[in-house]
C-alpha atoms as a PDB file:
ATOM      1  CA  MET A   1     -79.863  74.859  98.467  1.00  0.00           C
ATOM      2  CA  GLN A   2     -81.166  77.778 100.513  1.00  0.00           C
ATOM      3  CA  LEU A   3     -84.812  78.562  99.788  1.00  0.00           C
ATOM      4  CA  GLU A   4     -85.598  81.576 101.942  1.00  0.00           C
ATOM      5  CA  THR A   5     -86.122  84.486  99.543  1.00  0.00           C
ATOM      6  CA  VAL A   6     -88.639  84.621  96.717  1.00  0.00           C
ATOM      7  CA  THR A   7     -89.045  86.998  93.793  1.00  0.00           C
ATOM      8  CA  VAL A   8     -92.441  86.970  92.094  1.00  0.00           C
ATOM      9  CA  ILE A   9     -92.428  88.719  88.722  1.00  0.00           C
ATOM     10  CA  GLY A  10     -95.862  89.990  87.752  1.00  0.00           C
ATOM     11  CA  GLY A  11     -98.056  92.408  89.671  1.00  0.00           C
ATOM     12  CA  GLY A  12    -101.407  91.067  88.530  1.00  0.00           C
ATOM     13  CA  ALA A  13    -103.873  89.141  90.658  1.00  0.00           C
ATOM     14  CA  TRP A  14    -102.081  85.805  90.320  1.00  0.00           C
ATOM     15  CA  GLY A  15     -98.604  87.196  90.973  1.00  0.00           C
ATOM     16  CA  THR A  16     -99.863  89.087  94.009  1.00  0.00           C
ATOM     17  CA  ALA A  17    -101.606  85.976  95.310  1.00  0.00           C
ATOM     18  CA  LEU A  18     -98.475  83.843  94.898  1.00  0.00           C
ATOM     19  CA  ALA A  19     -96.422  86.495  96.686  1.00  0.00           C
ATOM     20  CA  GLN A  20     -98.922  86.409  99.547  1.00  0.00           C
ATOM     21  CA  ALA A  21     -98.807  82.590  99.634  1.00  0.00           C
ATOM     22  CA  ALA A  22     -94.999  82.599  99.774  1.00  0.00           C
ATOM     23  CA  ALA A  23     -95.118  85.097 102.640  1.00  0.00           C
ATOM     24  CA  MET A  24     -97.610  82.861 104.457  1.00  0.00           C
ATOM     25  CA  ALA A  25     -95.031  80.096 104.086  1.00  0.00           C
ATOM     26  CA  GLY A  26     -92.520  82.264 105.932  1.00  0.00           C
ATOM     27  CA  ARG A  27     -90.480  83.416 102.956  1.00  0.00           C
ATOM     28  CA  GLN A  28     -89.288  86.979 102.354  1.00  0.00           C
ATOM     29  CA  VAL A  29     -90.910  88.063  99.108  1.00  0.00           C
ATOM     30  CA  ARG A  30     -90.181  90.703  96.488  1.00  0.00           C
ATOM     31  CA  LEU A  31     -93.152  91.365  94.188  1.00  0.00           C
ATOM     32  CA  VAL A  32     -91.865  92.862  90.945  1.00  0.00           C
ATOM     33  CA  VAL A  33     -94.347  95.204  89.255  1.00  0.00           C
ATOM     34  CA  ARG A  34     -94.039  97.397  86.169  1.00  0.00           C
ATOM     35  CA  HIS A  35     -93.757 100.865  87.653  1.00  0.00           C
ATOM     36  CA  SER A  36     -92.080 102.356  90.709  1.00  0.00           C
ATOM     37  CA  ALA A  37     -95.216 104.359  91.526  1.00  0.00           C
ATOM     38  CA  GLN A  38     -97.213 101.132  91.675  1.00  0.00           C
ATOM     39  CA  ALA A  39     -94.602  99.554  93.931  1.00  0.00           C
ATOM     40  CA  GLU A  40     -94.629 102.554  96.249  1.00  0.00           C
ATOM     41  CA  ALA A  41     -98.432 102.478  96.450  1.00  0.00           C
ATOM     42  CA  ILE A  42     -98.441  98.788  97.327  1.00  0.00           C
ATOM     43  CA  ASN A  43     -95.778  99.212 100.003  1.00  0.00           C
ATOM     44  CA  THR A  44     -97.539 102.199 101.523  1.00  0.00           C
ATOM     45  CA  SER A  45    -101.096 100.839 101.554  1.00  0.00           C
ATOM     46  CA  ARG A  46    -100.142  97.153 101.977  1.00  0.00           C
ATOM     47  CA  ARG A  47    -102.596  96.391  99.182  1.00  0.00           C
ATOM     48  CA  ASN A  48    -102.506  95.906  95.424  1.00  0.00           C
ATOM     49  CA  GLU A  49    -105.868  97.502  94.783  1.00  0.00           C
ATOM     50  CA  ALA A  50    -105.643  97.241  91.008  1.00  0.00           C
ATOM     51  CA  ALA A  51    -105.213  93.470  91.145  1.00  0.00           C
ATOM     52  CA  LEU A  52    -106.835  92.268  94.385  1.00  0.00           C
ATOM     53  CA  PRO A  53    -109.044  95.032  95.808  1.00  0.00           C
ATOM     54  CA  GLY A  54    -109.393  95.018  99.577  1.00  0.00           C
ATOM     55  CA  GLN A  55    -106.885  92.233 100.207  1.00  0.00           C
ATOM     56  CA  ALA A  56    -104.275  93.213 102.809  1.00  0.00           C
ATOM     57  CA  LEU A  57    -100.776  91.945 102.135  1.00  0.00           C
ATOM     58  CA  LEU A  58     -98.517  90.388 104.725  1.00  0.00           C
ATOM     59  CA  ALA A  59     -95.461  92.231 105.994  1.00  0.00           C
ATOM     60  CA  GLY A  60     -93.231  89.712 104.216  1.00  0.00           C
ATOM     61  CA  VAL A  61     -94.344  91.034 100.808  1.00  0.00           C
ATOM     62  CA  ASN A  62     -92.520  94.090  99.463  1.00  0.00           C
ATOM     63  CA  ALA A  63     -93.049  95.479  95.979  1.00  0.00           C
ATOM     64  CA  SER A  64     -90.354  96.747  93.637  1.00  0.00           C
ATOM     65  CA  ALA A  65     -90.100  97.819  90.024  1.00  0.00           C
ATOM     66  CA  GLU A  66     -86.720  96.136  89.660  1.00  0.00           C
ATOM     67  CA  PHE A  67     -85.720  92.487  89.502  1.00  0.00           C
ATOM     68  CA  ALA A  68     -83.040  91.256  91.881  1.00  0.00           C
ATOM     69  CA  GLY A  69     -81.702  87.765  92.382  1.00  0.00           C
ATOM     70  CA  SER A  70     -83.266  85.518  95.013  1.00  0.00           C
ATOM     71  CA  ASP A  71     -83.327  81.868  96.049  1.00  0.00           C
ATOM     72  CA  ILE A  72     -86.593  81.212  94.186  1.00  0.00           C
ATOM     73  CA  VAL A  73     -88.018  83.033  91.165  1.00  0.00           C
ATOM     74  CA  ILE A  74     -91.710  82.754  90.256  1.00  0.00           C
ATOM     75  CA  LEU A  75     -92.895  84.010  86.865  1.00  0.00           C
ATOM     76  CA  ALA A  76     -96.522  85.167  87.003  1.00  0.00           C
ATOM     77  CA  VAL A  77     -97.065  87.003  83.719  1.00  0.00           C
ATOM     78  CA  PRO A  78     -99.416  85.935  80.882  1.00  0.00           C
ATOM     79  CA  ALA A  79     -98.160  83.017  78.800  1.00  0.00           C
ATOM     80  CA  GLN A  80     -97.668  85.160  75.684  1.00  0.00           C
ATOM     81  CA  SER A  81     -95.501  87.608  77.667  1.00  0.00           C
ATOM     82  CA  THR A  82     -93.026  85.108  79.097  1.00  0.00           C
ATOM     83  CA  ARG A  83     -90.410  85.356  76.346  1.00  0.00           C
ATOM     84  CA  THR A  84     -90.512  89.167  76.317  1.00  0.00           C
ATOM     85  CA  LEU A  85     -90.116  89.260  80.086  1.00  0.00           C
ATOM     86  CA  LEU A  86     -87.184  86.857  80.086  1.00  0.00           C
ATOM     87  CA  SER A  87     -85.464  88.935  77.403  1.00  0.00           C
ATOM     88  CA  THR A  88     -85.150  91.729  80.001  1.00  0.00           C
ATOM     89  CA  ILE A  89     -83.429  89.536  82.608  1.00  0.00           C
ATOM     90  CA  ASP A  90     -79.753  88.616  82.570  1.00  0.00           C
ATOM     91  CA  PRO A  91     -79.752  84.793  82.209  1.00  0.00           C
ATOM     92  CA  ALA A  92     -76.851  84.653  84.675  1.00  0.00           C
ATOM     93  CA  LEU A  93     -79.219  85.808  87.430  1.00  0.00           C
ATOM     94  CA  LEU A  94     -81.352  82.715  86.824  1.00  0.00           C
ATOM     95  CA  ALA A  95     -78.563  80.188  86.336  1.00  0.00           C
ATOM     96  CA  GLY A  96     -78.872  77.322  88.782  1.00  0.00           C
ATOM     97  CA  ARG A  97     -81.955  78.912  90.356  1.00  0.00           C
ATOM     98  CA  PRO A  98     -85.373  77.302  90.608  1.00  0.00           C
ATOM     99  CA  VAL A  99     -87.708  79.220  88.285  1.00  0.00           C
ATOM    100  CA  VAL A 100     -91.374  78.435  88.873  1.00  0.00           C
ATOM    101  CA  LEU A 101     -93.567  78.897  85.800  1.00  0.00           C
ATOM    102  CA  SER A 102     -97.168  79.661  86.724  1.00  0.00           C
ATOM    103  CA  ALA A 103     -98.636  80.783  83.375  1.00  0.00           C
ATOM    104  CA  LYS A 104    -100.871  78.298  81.572  1.00  0.00           C
ATOM    105  CA  GLY A 105    -100.584  78.492  77.825  1.00  0.00           C
ATOM    106  CA  LEU A 106     -98.691  77.639  74.648  1.00  0.00           C
ATOM    107  CA  GLU A 107     -96.735  80.298  72.767  1.00  0.00           C
ATOM    108  CA  ILE A 108     -98.169  81.660  69.538  1.00  0.00           C
ATOM    109  CA  GLY A 109     -95.924  80.930  66.574  1.00  0.00           C
ATOM    110  CA  THR A 110     -93.504  78.526  68.227  1.00  0.00           C
ATOM    111  CA  LEU A 111     -96.081  76.199  69.898  1.00  0.00           C
ATOM    112  CA  ALA A 112     -93.655  76.174  72.842  1.00  0.00           C
ATOM    113  CA  ARG A 113     -94.506  75.246  76.404  1.00  0.00           C
ATOM    114  CA  GLN A 114     -93.486  77.692  79.115  1.00  0.00           C
ATOM    115  CA  SER A 115     -90.493  75.609  80.204  1.00  0.00           C
ATOM    116  CA  GLU A 116     -89.284  75.438  76.595  1.00  0.00           C
ATOM    117  CA  ILE A 117     -89.355  79.234  76.447  1.00  0.00           C
ATOM    118  CA  LEU A 118     -87.351  79.365  79.672  1.00  0.00           C
ATOM    119  CA  PHE A 119     -84.778  76.980  78.222  1.00  0.00           C
ATOM    120  CA  ASP A 120     -84.445  79.174  75.137  1.00  0.00           C
ATOM    121  CA  MET A 121     -83.927  82.349  77.145  1.00  0.00           C
ATOM    122  CA  ALA A 122     -82.118  81.101  80.274  1.00  0.00           C
ATOM    123  CA  PRO A 123     -80.854  77.580  79.574  1.00  0.00           C
ATOM    124  CA  GLU A 124     -79.143  77.175  82.940  1.00  0.00           C
ATOM    125  CA  ALA A 125     -82.255  77.998  84.989  1.00  0.00           C
ATOM    126  CA  VAL A 126     -83.962  75.069  86.732  1.00  0.00           C
ATOM    127  CA  PRO A 127     -87.588  74.846  85.540  1.00  0.00           C
ATOM    128  CA  TYR A 128     -90.601  73.990  87.679  1.00  0.00           C
ATOM    129  CA  VAL A 129     -94.270  74.158  86.719  1.00  0.00           C
ATOM    130  CA  LEU A 130     -97.009  75.230  89.131  1.00  0.00           C
ATOM    131  CA  SER A 131    -100.570  74.343  88.195  1.00  0.00           C
ATOM    132  CA  GLY A 132    -103.822  73.157  89.699  1.00  0.00           C
ATOM    133  CA  PRO A 133    -107.304  74.273  90.760  1.00  0.00           C
ATOM    134  CA  SER A 134    -106.765  77.740  92.162  1.00  0.00           C
ATOM    135  CA  PHE A 135    -108.163  81.249  91.978  1.00  0.00           C
ATOM    136  CA  ALA A 136    -106.033  84.222  92.971  1.00  0.00           C
ATOM    137  CA  VAL A 137    -108.616  85.647  95.368  1.00  0.00           C
ATOM    138  CA  ASP A 138    -108.755  82.348  97.285  1.00  0.00           C
ATOM    139  CA  VAL A 139    -104.980  81.941  97.498  1.00  0.00           C
ATOM    140  CA  ALA A 140    -104.432  85.525  98.666  1.00  0.00           C
ATOM    141  CA  ALA A 141    -107.158  85.266 101.296  1.00  0.00           C
ATOM    142  CA  GLY A 142    -105.667  82.090 102.739  1.00  0.00           C
ATOM    143  CA  ARG A 143    -108.507  79.802 101.692  1.00  0.00           C
ATOM    144  CA  PRO A 144    -107.534  76.113 101.352  1.00  0.00           C
ATOM    145  CA  THR A 145    -105.873  75.500  97.992  1.00  0.00           C
ATOM    146  CA  ALA A 146    -103.971  72.453  96.717  1.00  0.00           C
ATOM    147  CA  VAL A 147    -101.851  72.574  93.556  1.00  0.00           C
ATOM    148  CA  THR A 148     -99.179  70.589  91.738  1.00  0.00           C
ATOM    149  CA  LEU A 149     -95.512  71.587  91.526  1.00  0.00           C
ATOM    150  CA  ALA A 150     -93.684  69.585  88.870  1.00  0.00           C
ATOM    151  CA  GLY A 151     -89.934  69.381  88.435  1.00  0.00           C
ATOM    152  CA  ASP A 152     -87.328  67.027  87.043  1.00  0.00           C
ATOM    153  CA  ASP A 153     -85.476  66.167  90.273  1.00  0.00           C
ATOM    154  CA  ALA A 154     -87.726  64.480  92.840  1.00  0.00           C
ATOM    155  CA  SER A 155     -85.777  65.555  95.914  1.00  0.00           C
ATOM    156  CA  ALA A 156     -85.312  69.163  94.797  1.00  0.00           C
ATOM    157  CA  THR A 157     -88.971  69.427  93.815  1.00  0.00           C
ATOM    158  CA  SER A 158     -90.066  68.177  97.239  1.00  0.00           C
ATOM    159  CA  ASP A 159     -87.762  70.694  98.929  1.00  0.00           C
ATOM    160  CA  LEU A 160     -89.178  73.534  96.839  1.00  0.00           C
ATOM    161  CA  ALA A 161     -92.767  72.441  97.503  1.00  0.00           C
ATOM    162  CA  THR A 162     -92.026  72.429 101.230  1.00  0.00           C
ATOM    163  CA  ALA A 163     -90.518  75.920 101.036  1.00  0.00           C
ATOM    164  CA  LEU A 164     -93.650  77.295  99.337  1.00  0.00           C
ATOM    165  CA  ALA A 165     -96.182  75.423 101.452  1.00  0.00           C
ATOM    166  CA  GLY A 166     -98.137  77.329 104.072  1.00  0.00           C
ATOM    167  CA  PRO A 167    -101.107  76.583 106.291  1.00  0.00           C
ATOM    168  CA  SER A 168    -103.568  76.964 103.401  1.00  0.00           C
ATOM    169  CA  PHE A 169    -101.498  76.768 100.199  1.00  0.00           C
ATOM    170  CA  ARG A 170    -100.331  73.193  99.611  1.00  0.00           C
ATOM    171  CA  PRO A 171     -98.108  72.403  96.588  1.00  0.00           C
ATOM    172  CA  TYR A 172     -97.791  68.660  95.953  1.00  0.00           C
ATOM    173  CA  ALA A 173     -94.569  67.569  94.249  1.00  0.00           C
ATOM    174  CA  ALA A 174     -94.738  65.725  90.915  1.00  0.00           C
ATOM    175  CA  ASP A 175     -92.287  64.706  88.205  1.00  0.00           C
ATOM    176  CA  ASP A 176     -94.330  64.987  84.981  1.00  0.00           C
ATOM    177  CA  ARG A 177     -93.518  68.547  83.954  1.00  0.00           C
ATOM    178  CA  ILE A 178     -94.756  68.034  80.394  1.00  0.00           C
ATOM    179  CA  GLY A 179     -98.087  66.571  81.465  1.00  0.00           C
ATOM    180  CA  VAL A 180     -98.699  69.364  83.954  1.00  0.00           C
ATOM    181  CA  GLU A 181     -97.872  72.062  81.380  1.00  0.00           C
ATOM    182  CA  ILE A 182    -100.100  70.610  78.663  1.00  0.00           C
ATOM    183  CA  ALA A 183    -102.992  70.047  81.061  1.00  0.00           C
ATOM    184  CA  GLY A 184    -102.727  73.618  82.334  1.00  0.00           C
ATOM    185  CA  ALA A 185    -102.785  75.040  78.819  1.00  0.00           C
ATOM    186  CA  LEU A 186    -105.596  72.896  77.425  1.00  0.00           C
ATOM    187  CA  LYS A 187    -108.007  73.232  80.339  1.00  0.00           C
ATOM    188  CA  ASN A 188    -108.427  76.903  79.394  1.00  0.00           C
ATOM    189  CA  VAL A 189    -109.491  75.887  75.894  1.00  0.00           C
ATOM    190  CA  TYR A 190    -112.072  73.451  77.235  1.00  0.00           C
ATOM    191  CA  ALA A 191    -113.318  76.088  79.687  1.00  0.00           C
ATOM    192  CA  LEU A 192    -114.148  78.313  76.721  1.00  0.00           C
ATOM    193  CA  ALA A 193    -116.222  75.470  75.275  1.00  0.00           C
ATOM    194  CA  CYS A 194    -118.031  74.808  78.537  1.00  0.00           C
ATOM    195  CA  GLY A 195    -118.742  78.499  79.039  1.00  0.00           C
ATOM    196  CA  ALA A 196    -120.097  78.706  75.481  1.00  0.00           C
ATOM    197  CA  VAL A 197    -122.446  75.807  76.209  1.00  0.00           C
ATOM    198  CA  GLU A 198    -123.693  77.720  79.241  1.00  0.00           C
ATOM    199  CA  GLY A 199    -124.046  80.946  77.266  1.00  0.00           C
ATOM    200  CA  ALA A 200    -126.010  79.172  74.553  1.00  0.00           C
ATOM    201  CA  GLN A 201    -128.222  77.537  77.218  1.00  0.00           C
ATOM    202  CA  LEU A 202    -127.539  74.041  75.919  1.00  0.00           C
ATOM    203  CA  GLY A 203    -127.755  72.491  79.375  1.00  0.00           C
ATOM    204  CA  ALA A 204    -125.613  71.006  82.126  1.00  0.00           C
ATOM    205  CA  SER A 205    -125.645  67.575  80.463  1.00  0.00           C
ATOM    206  CA  ALA A 206    -123.873  68.951  77.395  1.00  0.00           C
ATOM    207  CA  ARG A 207    -121.327  70.698  79.596  1.00  0.00           C
ATOM    208  CA  ALA A 208    -120.607  67.503  81.534  1.00  0.00           C
ATOM    209  CA  ALA A 209    -120.130  65.599  78.288  1.00  0.00           C
ATOM    210  CA  LEU A 210    -117.669  68.241  77.059  1.00  0.00           C
ATOM    211  CA  ILE A 211    -115.648  67.980  80.271  1.00  0.00           C
ATOM    212  CA  ALA A 212    -115.463  64.203  79.956  1.00  0.00           C
ATOM    213  CA  ARG A 213    -114.512  64.259  76.287  1.00  0.00           C
ATOM    214  CA  GLY A 214    -112.083  67.103  76.912  1.00  0.00           C
ATOM    215  CA  TYR A 215    -110.393  64.996  79.566  1.00  0.00           C
ATOM    216  CA  ALA A 216    -109.964  62.145  77.070  1.00  0.00           C
ATOM    217  CA  GLU A 217    -108.671  64.518  74.399  1.00  0.00           C
ATOM    218  CA  MET A 218    -106.248  66.056  76.882  1.00  0.00           C
ATOM    219  CA  ALA A 219    -104.909  62.579  77.676  1.00  0.00           C
ATOM    220  CA  ARG A 220    -104.212  61.958  74.000  1.00  0.00           C
ATOM    221  CA  MET A 221    -102.305  65.223  73.755  1.00  0.00           C
ATOM    222  CA  VAL A 222    -100.307  64.643  76.930  1.00  0.00           C
ATOM    223  CA  THR A 223     -99.193  61.146  75.971  1.00  0.00           C
ATOM    224  CA  ALA A 224     -98.323  62.258  72.441  1.00  0.00           C
ATOM    225  CA  MET A 225     -96.050  64.909  73.964  1.00  0.00           C
ATOM    226  CA  GLY A 226     -94.293  62.344  76.167  1.00  0.00           C
ATOM    227  CA  GLY A 227     -96.194  63.036  79.386  1.00  0.00           C
ATOM    228  CA  SER A 228     -98.176  60.609  81.513  1.00  0.00           C
ATOM    229  CA  ALA A 229    -101.952  60.202  81.337  1.00  0.00           C
ATOM    230  CA  HIS A 230    -101.797  59.362  85.060  1.00  0.00           C
ATOM    231  CA  THR A 231    -100.975  63.031  85.726  1.00  0.00           C
ATOM    232  CA  LEU A 232    -104.482  63.941  84.610  1.00  0.00           C
ATOM    233  CA  THR A 233    -106.053  62.060  87.506  1.00  0.00           C
ATOM    234  CA  GLY A 234    -104.603  64.608  89.927  1.00  0.00           C
ATOM    235  CA  LEU A 235    -104.824  68.283  90.785  1.00  0.00           C
ATOM    236  CA  ALA A 236    -103.219  69.597  87.602  1.00  0.00           C
ATOM    237  CA  GLY A 237    -105.548  67.521  85.421  1.00  0.00           C
ATOM    238  CA  LEU A 238    -109.011  66.633  86.650  1.00  0.00           C
ATOM    239  CA  GLY A 239    -108.883  69.144  89.519  1.00  0.00           C
ATOM    240  CA  ASP A 240    -108.050  72.173  87.408  1.00  0.00           C
ATOM    241  CA  LEU A 241    -110.222  71.078  84.479  1.00  0.00           C
ATOM    242  CA  THR A 242    -113.282  70.717  86.695  1.00  0.00           C
ATOM    243  CA  LEU A 243    -112.811  74.070  88.415  1.00  0.00           C
ATOM    244  CA  THR A 244    -112.122  76.075  85.277  1.00  0.00           C
ATOM    245  CA  CYS A 245    -114.951  74.484  83.295  1.00  0.00           C
ATOM    246  CA  THR A 246    -117.655  75.066  85.908  1.00  0.00           C
ATOM    247  CA  SER A 247    -116.963  78.295  87.798  1.00  0.00           C
ATOM    248  CA  VAL A 248    -117.963  81.813  86.794  1.00  0.00           C
ATOM    249  CA  GLN A 249    -114.796  82.967  88.595  1.00  0.00           C
ATOM    250  CA  SER A 250    -112.860  81.508  85.661  1.00  0.00           C
ATOM    251  CA  ARG A 251    -111.995  84.150  83.069  1.00  0.00           C
ATOM    252  CA  ASN A 252    -112.050  81.540  80.324  1.00  0.00           C
ATOM    253  CA  TYR A 253    -115.460  80.257  81.385  1.00  0.00           C
ATOM    254  CA  GLN A 254    -116.797  83.829  81.497  1.00  0.00           C
ATOM    255  CA  PHE A 255    -115.378  84.536  78.041  1.00  0.00           C
ATOM    256  CA  GLY A 256    -116.981  81.341  76.759  1.00  0.00           C
ATOM    257  CA  ILE A 257    -120.370  82.375  78.161  1.00  0.00           C
ATOM    258  CA  ALA A 258    -120.170  85.579  76.118  1.00  0.00           C
ATOM    259  CA  LEU A 259    -119.209  83.595  73.003  1.00  0.00           C
ATOM    260  CA  GLY A 260    -122.125  81.238  73.531  1.00  0.00           C
ATOM    261  CA  ALA A 261    -124.489  84.173  73.884  1.00  0.00           C
ATOM    262  CA  GLY A 262    -123.540  85.278  70.377  1.00  0.00           C
ATOM    263  CA  GLN A 263    -120.835  87.882  70.960  1.00  0.00           C
ATOM    264  CA  SER A 264    -117.724  87.844  68.791  1.00  0.00           C
ATOM    265  CA  THR A 265    -114.228  87.551  70.239  1.00  0.00           C
ATOM    266  CA  GLY A 266    -113.431  91.095  69.120  1.00  0.00           C
ATOM    267  CA  ALA A 267    -116.559  92.518  70.717  1.00  0.00           C
ATOM    268  CA  ILE A 268    -115.898  90.735  74.008  1.00  0.00           C
ATOM    269  CA  ILE A 269    -112.343  92.084  74.169  1.00  0.00           C
ATOM    270  CA  ALA A 270    -113.475  95.571  73.155  1.00  0.00           C
ATOM    271  CA  GLY A 271    -116.017  95.423  75.968  1.00  0.00           C
ATOM    272  CA  GLY A 272    -113.216  95.209  78.512  1.00  0.00           C
ATOM    273  CA  ALA A 273    -113.192  91.459  79.214  1.00  0.00           C
ATOM    274  CA  LYS A 274    -110.273  90.261  81.317  1.00  0.00           C
ATOM    275  CA  LEU A 275    -107.515  88.218  79.722  1.00  0.00           C
ATOM    276  CA  ALA A 276    -108.595  84.673  78.842  1.00  0.00           C
ATOM    277  CA  GLU A 277    -105.506  82.591  78.064  1.00  0.00           C
ATOM    278  CA  GLY A 278    -107.568  80.019  76.170  1.00  0.00           C
ATOM    279  CA  VAL A 279    -108.315  82.521  73.387  1.00  0.00           C
ATOM    280  CA  ALA A 280    -104.631  82.699  72.455  1.00  0.00           C
ATOM    281  CA  THR A 281    -103.994  79.027  73.219  1.00  0.00           C
ATOM    282  CA  ALA A 282    -106.812  77.518  71.099  1.00  0.00           C
ATOM    283  CA  PRO A 283    -105.223  78.034  67.637  1.00  0.00           C
ATOM    284  CA  VAL A 284    -101.795  77.095  69.000  1.00  0.00           C
ATOM    285  CA  ALA A 285    -103.163  73.913  70.569  1.00  0.00           C
ATOM    286  CA  LEU A 286    -104.861  73.034  67.291  1.00  0.00           C
ATOM    287  CA  ALA A 287    -101.610  73.485  65.365  1.00  0.00           C
ATOM    288  CA  LEU A 288     -99.827  71.356  67.961  1.00  0.00           C
ATOM    289  CA  ALA A 289    -102.462  68.598  67.754  1.00  0.00           C
ATOM    290  CA  ARG A 290    -102.167  68.511  63.986  1.00  0.00           C
ATOM    291  CA  SER A 291     -98.365  68.375  64.162  1.00  0.00           C
ATOM    292  CA  LEU A 292     -98.690  65.367  66.494  1.00  0.00           C
ATOM    293  CA  ASP A 293    -101.466  63.781  64.410  1.00  0.00           C
ATOM    294  CA  VAL A 294    -103.739  63.750  67.465  1.00  0.00           C
ATOM    295  CA  ASP A 295    -107.509  63.663  67.001  1.00  0.00           C
ATOM    296  CA  ALA A 296    -108.700  66.797  68.820  1.00  0.00           C
ATOM    297  CA  PRO A 297    -112.244  67.698  67.702  1.00  0.00           C
ATOM    298  CA  LEU A 298    -112.957  69.811  70.780  1.00  0.00           C
ATOM    299  CA  ILE A 299    -109.873  71.970  70.330  1.00  0.00           C
ATOM    300  CA  GLU A 300    -110.770  72.356  66.661  1.00  0.00           C
ATOM    301  CA  ALA A 301    -114.321  73.341  67.617  1.00  0.00           C
ATOM    302  CA  VAL A 302    -113.194  75.951  70.128  1.00  0.00           C
ATOM    303  CA  ASP A 303    -110.786  77.431  67.617  1.00  0.00           C
ATOM    304  CA  ALA A 304    -113.669  77.759  65.127  1.00  0.00           C
ATOM    305  CA  VAL A 305    -115.898  79.484  67.673  1.00  0.00           C
ATOM    306  CA  VAL A 306    -113.158  81.865  68.839  1.00  0.00           C
ATOM    307  CA  ALA A 307    -112.317  82.748  65.229  1.00  0.00           C
ATOM    308  CA  GLY A 308    -115.989  83.325  64.416  1.00  0.00           C
ATOM    309  CA  ARG A 309    -116.194  80.543  61.826  1.00  0.00           C
ATOM    310  CA  ALA A 310    -119.046  78.771  63.644  1.00  0.00           C
ATOM    311  CA  ASP A 311    -121.401  79.209  66.587  1.00  0.00           C
ATOM    312  CA  ILE A 312    -121.437  76.899  69.578  1.00  0.00           C
ATOM    313  CA  ALA A 313    -124.863  75.347  68.812  1.00  0.00           C
ATOM    314  CA  THR A 314    -123.665  74.286  65.358  1.00  0.00           C
ATOM    315  CA  ILE A 315    -120.421  72.968  66.802  1.00  0.00           C
ATOM    316  CA  VAL A 316    -122.177  70.889  69.477  1.00  0.00           C
ATOM    317  CA  ALA A 317    -124.578  69.496  66.885  1.00  0.00           C
ATOM    318  CA  GLY A 318    -121.588  68.453  64.791  1.00  0.00           C
ATOM    319  CA  LEU A 319    -119.875  66.809  67.748  1.00  0.00           C
ATOM    320  CA  MET A 320    -123.070  64.939  68.614  1.00  0.00           C
ATOM    321  CA  SER A 321    -123.301  63.583  65.072  1.00  0.00           C
ATOM    322  CA  ARG A 322    -119.802  62.061  65.088  1.00  0.00           C
ATOM    323  CA  PRO A 323    -119.807  58.289  64.493  1.00  0.00           C
ATOM    324  CA  LEU A 324    -120.656  56.248  67.579  1.00  0.00           C
ATOM    325  CA  LYS A 325    -117.672  54.305  68.861  1.00  0.00           C
ATOM    326  CA  ARG A 326    -117.018  52.183  71.895  1.00  0.00           C
ATOM    327  CA  GLU A 327    -115.961  54.489  74.739  1.00  0.00           C
ATOM    328  CA  HIS A 328    -112.800  52.543  75.613  1.00  0.00           C
END
């Protein structure tokens, strides 16, 4: 299959960064944004100032307000917007095409993974999942970044990874699409918890313990869903979890810091906080864990903090008082 042209749908920071990465890989890229005026401004200035201020875009990136078919389609909209976006696209334009899903989250109401939403809306599209430790500003600037690209056909996934790989953006092919999707969604939930620990000034030791226990909880969820715990040892698991749970560049970590400092979810959002996918994912992940009969005390704790039913200090005290068991 020819893999020369790329359409990235989503003019935010992550979509712009992925468009830049694809151009660095030598692909011709169409960046689909919401409005024609925005597209014209990007094409004229060679920048998307609203999303990535000061970052010049390569000549291979051209913005448009309209979707057109291409060899590769990358969806880079928030997880809760995926179904609405796909409802505006003729499924025939995606049939047989590789569609790369880059959002990290579970859908409210349906508990669906991103690839399940794609199957509902465009059943003949070929799903791939992109995840791993990466910030948009780093990817766009050409700083070294390694991620996971998961698909169902090993050869086709390797070909797609090669087509998207550039000198600094390195997608590594994998076959556990379910494990990569679940890890990508849950790490945002655990980042909220780790940020809240920081905001409540409970110490680095508590944060490290949460990361370790979150990793174990994530493994239980992944295996219950039919994925492989081995996936979590790689970029999409441990790599992304560590980055998101420790860096102030992470929106979820920042949101968690505000929660830990005593602000409510509503107040943080009203104050202009950037989108934190974990806020929407936490109650969905909890519902999913309960449907699978998976013990997930950290997800339950984050959901309680986000909903304002408990503060992080009380939650951590409760977690610390759980019965002592052998670690393995």
